[in-house]
Protein backbone atom coordinates (compact mmCIF):
# COMPACT_ATOMS: atom_id res chain seq x y z
CA MET A 1 -0.20 0.05 0.04
CA ALA A 2 1.64 3.29 -0.87
CA ALA A 3 1.84 6.06 1.36
CA GLN A 4 -0.91 8.86 1.56
CA LEU A 5 0.82 12.05 0.05
CA LYS A 6 0.19 15.63 1.22
CA ILE A 7 2.34 18.25 -0.13
CA GLY A 8 3.04 21.40 1.78
CA ILE A 9 4.09 24.45 -0.28
CA ILE A 10 6.06 27.30 1.53
CA GLY A 11 6.16 30.21 -0.79
CA GLY A 12 8.72 32.80 -0.49
CA SER A 13 9.04 36.38 -1.51
CA GLY A 14 6.56 36.83 -4.49
CA LEU A 15 6.28 32.93 -4.77
CA ASP A 16 3.10 32.50 -2.65
CA ASP A 17 0.15 32.64 -5.10
CA PRO A 18 -2.61 30.99 -3.65
CA ASP A 19 -4.55 30.60 -6.85
CA ILE A 20 -2.62 27.60 -7.82
CA LEU A 21 -4.79 25.69 -5.46
CA GLU A 22 -8.18 24.37 -6.40
CA GLY A 23 -11.12 24.37 -3.72
CA ARG A 24 -9.11 26.63 -1.35
CA VAL A 25 -10.04 26.73 2.57
CA GLU A 26 -8.12 28.66 5.14
CA LYS A 27 -7.10 27.20 8.25
CA TYR A 28 -5.86 29.25 11.30
CA VAL A 29 -3.91 26.97 13.68
CA ASP A 30 -1.70 27.09 16.52
CA THR A 31 1.32 25.17 17.65
CA PRO A 32 3.37 24.42 20.76
CA TYR A 33 5.67 26.86 19.35
CA GLY A 34 3.28 29.46 18.23
CA LYS A 35 1.61 30.61 15.62
CA PRO A 36 2.70 29.87 11.94
CA SER A 37 3.53 32.90 9.54
CA ASP A 38 0.01 32.90 8.20
CA ALA A 39 -3.17 30.85 7.68
CA LEU A 40 -2.52 27.20 6.16
CA ILE A 41 -4.43 27.38 2.67
CA VAL A 42 -5.65 23.82 2.08
CA GLY A 43 -6.75 22.67 -1.65
CA LYS A 44 -5.62 20.43 -4.17
CA ILE A 45 -3.35 20.50 -7.49
CA LYS A 46 -4.81 18.00 -9.83
CA ASN A 47 -6.31 15.92 -7.31
CA VAL A 48 -3.29 16.00 -4.88
CA GLU A 49 -3.52 17.44 -1.56
CA CYS A 50 -1.69 20.38 -0.89
CA VAL A 51 -1.35 22.80 1.86
CA LEU A 52 0.19 26.37 1.07
CA LEU A 53 1.86 28.79 3.69
CA ALA A 54 3.43 32.24 2.94
CA ARG A 55 6.54 32.14 4.70
CA HIS A 56 7.04 35.94 5.37
CA GLY A 57 3.03 36.27 5.61
CA ARG A 58 0.87 37.06 2.91
CA GLN A 59 1.37 40.81 3.21
CA HIS A 60 5.31 40.04 3.62
CA THR A 61 5.44 41.63 7.30
CA ILE A 62 7.83 39.17 8.58
CA MET A 63 11.53 39.64 8.39
CA PRO A 64 13.55 36.40 7.82
CA SER A 65 15.15 36.24 11.33
CA ASN A 66 11.56 36.45 12.62
CA VAL A 67 9.90 33.91 10.74
CA ASN A 68 8.64 31.17 13.17
CA TYR A 69 10.12 28.57 11.23
CA ARG A 70 9.40 25.69 14.05
CA ALA A 71 5.50 26.77 13.88
CA ASN A 72 5.62 26.59 10.26
CA ILE A 73 6.99 23.18 10.03
CA TRP A 74 5.17 21.74 12.91
CA ALA A 75 1.70 23.06 11.51
CA LEU A 76 2.42 21.46 8.16
CA LYS A 77 3.23 18.31 9.64
CA GLU A 78 0.27 18.10 11.92
CA GLU A 79 -1.66 18.95 8.70
CA GLY A 80 -0.57 15.64 7.44
CA CYS A 81 2.15 16.51 4.93
CA THR A 82 4.73 14.44 3.77
CA HIS A 83 6.68 16.66 1.52
CA LEU A 84 7.70 20.30 1.49
CA LEU A 85 8.16 22.04 -1.74
CA VAL A 86 9.40 25.46 -1.04
CA THR A 87 10.27 28.44 -2.98
CA THR A 88 12.92 31.00 -2.32
CA ALA A 89 14.59 34.02 -4.04
CA CYS A 90 18.35 34.07 -3.70
CA GLY A 91 21.55 35.81 -5.11
CA SER A 92 24.11 34.21 -7.35
CA LEU A 93 27.52 33.74 -6.35
CA ARG A 94 28.53 32.04 -9.71
CA GLU A 95 28.97 33.88 -13.26
CA ASP A 96 26.88 30.87 -14.94
CA ILE A 97 23.97 31.15 -12.37
CA GLN A 98 22.26 34.13 -14.03
CA PRO A 99 19.39 36.38 -12.69
CA GLY A 100 16.11 34.20 -13.75
CA ASP A 101 17.81 30.91 -13.49
CA ILE A 102 16.04 28.11 -11.08
CA VAL A 103 18.76 26.44 -8.91
CA LEU A 104 17.76 23.03 -7.20
CA VAL A 105 19.85 23.10 -4.00
CA ASP A 106 21.19 20.20 -2.61
CA GLN A 107 23.62 21.73 0.24
CA PHE A 108 23.77 24.71 2.55
CA ILE A 109 26.27 26.44 4.62
CA ASP A 110 24.78 28.10 7.79
CA ARG A 111 25.66 31.78 8.62
CA THR A 112 22.58 32.57 10.84
CA THR A 113 23.02 33.42 14.31
CA LYS A 114 19.61 33.60 15.94
CA ARG A 115 17.23 31.43 15.05
CA HIS A 116 15.81 28.02 16.89
CA GLN A 117 17.23 25.07 15.02
CA THR A 118 15.40 22.41 16.64
CA PHE A 119 12.22 21.14 18.26
CA TYR A 120 13.84 19.48 20.98
CA ASP A 121 14.95 22.54 22.89
CA GLY A 122 14.22 21.58 26.56
CA GLY A 123 11.25 23.89 26.84
CA PRO A 124 7.82 23.18 28.24
CA SER A 125 6.52 22.39 24.79
CA SER A 126 9.46 20.43 23.43
CA PRO A 127 9.56 16.76 22.97
CA PRO A 128 11.64 14.91 25.32
CA GLY A 129 15.21 14.38 24.44
CA VAL A 130 18.04 15.90 22.46
CA CYS A 131 18.17 15.39 18.65
CA HIS A 132 21.19 15.12 16.76
CA ILE A 133 19.74 15.01 13.10
CA PRO A 134 22.50 13.86 10.41
CA MET A 135 22.72 16.37 7.86
CA ALA A 136 25.00 15.03 5.26
CA GLU A 137 21.84 15.24 2.60
CA PRO A 138 19.86 17.83 3.82
CA PHE A 139 17.63 17.79 0.79
CA CYS A 140 15.23 14.94 -0.67
CA GLY A 141 17.18 13.41 -3.46
CA LYS A 142 14.29 11.77 -5.14
CA THR A 143 12.08 14.86 -4.76
CA ARG A 144 14.91 17.10 -6.37
CA GLU A 145 15.01 14.43 -9.22
CA VAL A 146 11.40 14.97 -10.27
CA LEU A 147 11.69 18.84 -10.00
CA LEU A 148 14.89 18.71 -12.32
CA GLU A 149 13.08 16.46 -14.85
CA VAL A 150 10.03 18.86 -14.93
CA ALA A 151 11.97 21.97 -15.20
CA ARG A 152 13.86 20.54 -18.11
CA GLY A 153 10.59 19.36 -19.84
CA LEU A 154 9.28 22.81 -19.47
CA GLY A 155 12.62 24.29 -20.96
CA VAL A 156 13.55 26.17 -17.96
CA LYS A 157 17.12 26.87 -17.28
CA CYS A 158 17.72 24.97 -14.29
CA HIS A 159 20.97 24.25 -12.06
CA ASN A 160 20.88 20.50 -10.69
CA ARG A 161 23.11 21.30 -7.72
CA ALA A 162 24.22 24.10 -5.67
CA THR A 163 25.34 25.20 -2.16
CA MET A 164 22.85 27.73 -0.41
CA LEU A 165 24.78 29.97 2.11
CA THR A 166 22.29 31.35 4.51
CA ILE A 167 22.69 34.67 5.99
CA GLU A 168 20.83 35.99 9.19
CA GLY A 169 19.88 39.36 7.21
CA PRO A 170 17.83 41.28 6.94
CA ARG A 171 20.84 43.24 5.50
CA PHE A 172 22.54 42.41 2.19
CA SER A 173 26.45 41.07 2.15
CA THR A 174 29.17 43.40 1.81
CA ARG A 175 31.37 42.97 -1.15
CA ALA A 176 34.02 41.39 1.18
CA GLU A 177 31.47 39.01 2.54
CA SER A 178 30.27 37.99 -0.91
CA LEU A 179 33.72 37.25 -2.21
CA LEU A 180 34.69 35.40 0.83
CA PHE A 181 31.47 33.26 0.48
CA ARG A 182 32.54 32.32 -3.30
CA GLN A 183 35.68 31.07 -1.90
CA TRP A 184 33.68 28.75 0.60
CA GLY A 185 32.23 27.27 -2.53
CA ALA A 186 28.95 28.59 -1.95
CA ASP A 187 26.77 29.03 -5.00
CA VAL A 188 23.89 31.03 -4.16
CA ILE A 189 22.81 33.16 -0.87
CA ASN A 190 19.36 33.64 0.66
CA MET A 191 18.10 34.55 4.36
CA THR A 192 15.58 31.34 4.96
CA THR A 193 16.73 28.00 3.82
CA VAL A 194 18.14 27.60 7.49
CA PRO A 195 16.75 26.29 10.01
CA GLU A 196 13.84 25.67 7.50
CA VAL A 197 15.53 22.54 5.97
CA VAL A 198 16.69 21.34 9.54
CA LEU A 199 13.41 21.62 10.97
CA ALA A 200 11.85 19.50 8.08
CA LYS A 201 14.57 16.81 8.50
CA GLU A 202 13.83 16.65 12.15
CA ALA A 203 10.17 16.24 11.26
CA GLY A 204 10.86 13.38 8.80
CA LEU A 205 9.61 15.35 5.75
CA CYS A 206 10.64 15.28 2.06
CA TYR A 207 12.19 18.66 1.62
CA ALA A 208 13.12 20.14 -1.76
CA SER A 209 13.83 23.80 -2.63
CA ILE A 210 13.20 25.68 -5.68
CA ALA A 211 15.39 28.61 -5.57
CA MET A 212 15.53 31.40 -8.05
CA ALA A 213 18.29 33.79 -8.62
CA THR A 214 17.15 37.29 -8.63
CA ASP A 215 20.84 39.06 -8.76
CA TYR A 216 24.44 38.75 -8.53
CA ASP A 217 24.49 39.61 -4.53
CA CYS A 218 27.69 42.32 -4.88
CA TRP A 219 30.82 40.39 -5.82
CA LYS A 220 30.41 41.05 -9.50
CA GLU A 221 32.40 43.93 -10.90
CA HIS A 222 30.61 45.97 -13.53
CA GLU A 223 27.21 44.73 -12.10
CA GLU A 224 24.75 46.63 -10.31
CA ALA A 225 24.87 45.44 -6.61
CA VAL A 226 21.59 43.96 -5.14
CA CYS A 227 18.93 46.23 -4.28
CA VAL A 228 15.09 45.41 -3.59
CA ASP A 229 13.82 46.99 -6.88
CA ASN A 230 15.67 44.56 -8.73
CA VAL A 231 14.87 41.54 -6.92
CA LEU A 232 11.35 42.42 -7.11
CA LYS A 233 11.55 43.37 -10.77
CA THR A 234 13.24 39.80 -11.55
CA MET A 235 10.75 38.03 -9.44
CA LYS A 236 8.13 39.68 -11.35
CA GLU A 237 9.44 38.72 -14.65
CA ASN A 238 9.97 35.08 -13.65
CA ALA A 239 7.64 34.00 -10.79
CA ASN A 240 5.79 31.94 -13.40
CA LYS A 241 8.78 29.36 -13.67
CA ALA A 242 8.40 28.27 -10.05
CA SER A 243 4.34 28.08 -10.39
CA SER A 244 5.01 25.96 -13.53
CA ILE A 245 7.31 23.72 -11.89
CA LEU A 246 5.05 23.03 -8.86
CA LEU A 247 1.95 22.54 -11.07
CA THR A 248 3.68 20.27 -13.38
CA ALA A 249 5.64 18.39 -10.73
CA ILE A 250 3.05 17.95 -8.26
CA PRO A 251 0.65 15.55 -10.09
CA GLN A 252 4.00 13.53 -11.00
CA ILE A 253 4.99 13.21 -7.31
CA GLY A 254 1.33 12.14 -6.42
CA LYS A 255 1.71 9.12 -8.81
CA MET A 256 4.88 7.99 -7.29
CA ASP A 257 5.36 5.42 -4.53
CA TRP A 258 7.04 7.19 -1.63
CA SER A 259 6.59 4.56 1.17
CA GLU A 260 10.36 3.64 1.43
CA THR A 261 11.30 7.31 1.41
CA ILE A 262 8.97 8.36 3.96
CA LYS A 263 9.68 5.31 6.07
CA ASN A 264 13.61 6.14 6.13
CA LEU A 265 13.10 9.74 6.70
CA LYS A 266 10.95 8.94 9.73
CA PHE A 267 13.38 5.99 11.08
CA THR A 268 16.30 8.65 10.59
CA ALA A 269 14.45 11.51 12.39
CA GLN A 270 13.27 8.94 15.59
CA SER A 271 16.64 7.33 15.87
CA SER A 272 18.61 10.72 16.17
CA VAL A 273 16.80 11.40 19.52
CA MET A 274 18.66 10.85 22.58
CA LEU A 275 16.19 10.12 25.50
CA PRO A 276 16.90 11.11 28.91
CA LYS A 277 18.01 8.32 31.22
CA HIS A 278 15.78 7.34 33.86
């Protein structure tokens, strides 16, 4: 018997259009970690059950450091999601990743400083124990393969592997930082992949990110340094790419058997918790 699927979609800046869902219903929920960024919008894409959540709130009022990542992931898991397909804007640290390109991230480097990265924090609402979740492969390879195939089929320029460097924000990088991150081997840069991907792994969910390059950060000479106007302009021109990938990939994901993948993720999540000694 194939596992019952439900796909959570976390929409980043400019990539959280609820119109992609049929039969939409809004649900406001609470979690042991507080309220998620906004209502969960429950609906379907070609008969596959989906739940959409705007990462920064639908009015884009929540800055990256203040997103309640734990509440968002917890709420989507409680809603029965097995997969999380997320979208994010990012800056390119590589000449060949051009503004408007889609990037399917497979690794990250964490430069955040003040975010909760675990559900197991010893607080009153925390599950018991301490979780040491393995992070060698942070993203779901099987889901990424589907997204890659779909992007190529749609003729969208797509990079198959990339290391995302997540900074705290909300400021953009200095040129010195941007050049340093290139030396570290980072390919793209954003403010939200961490801790979202880490918490999804703790929750035992298949997590994949569709990142869209909007600019060259500020490392590239003779290129305008990143600014909000240019980011929004590129997002507007290219947001349809992410939507097309989601609308095509989700029905395909819905037809596949994910039992083994989900079982392995759940086993990893459970076996990573060290319970208190009695």
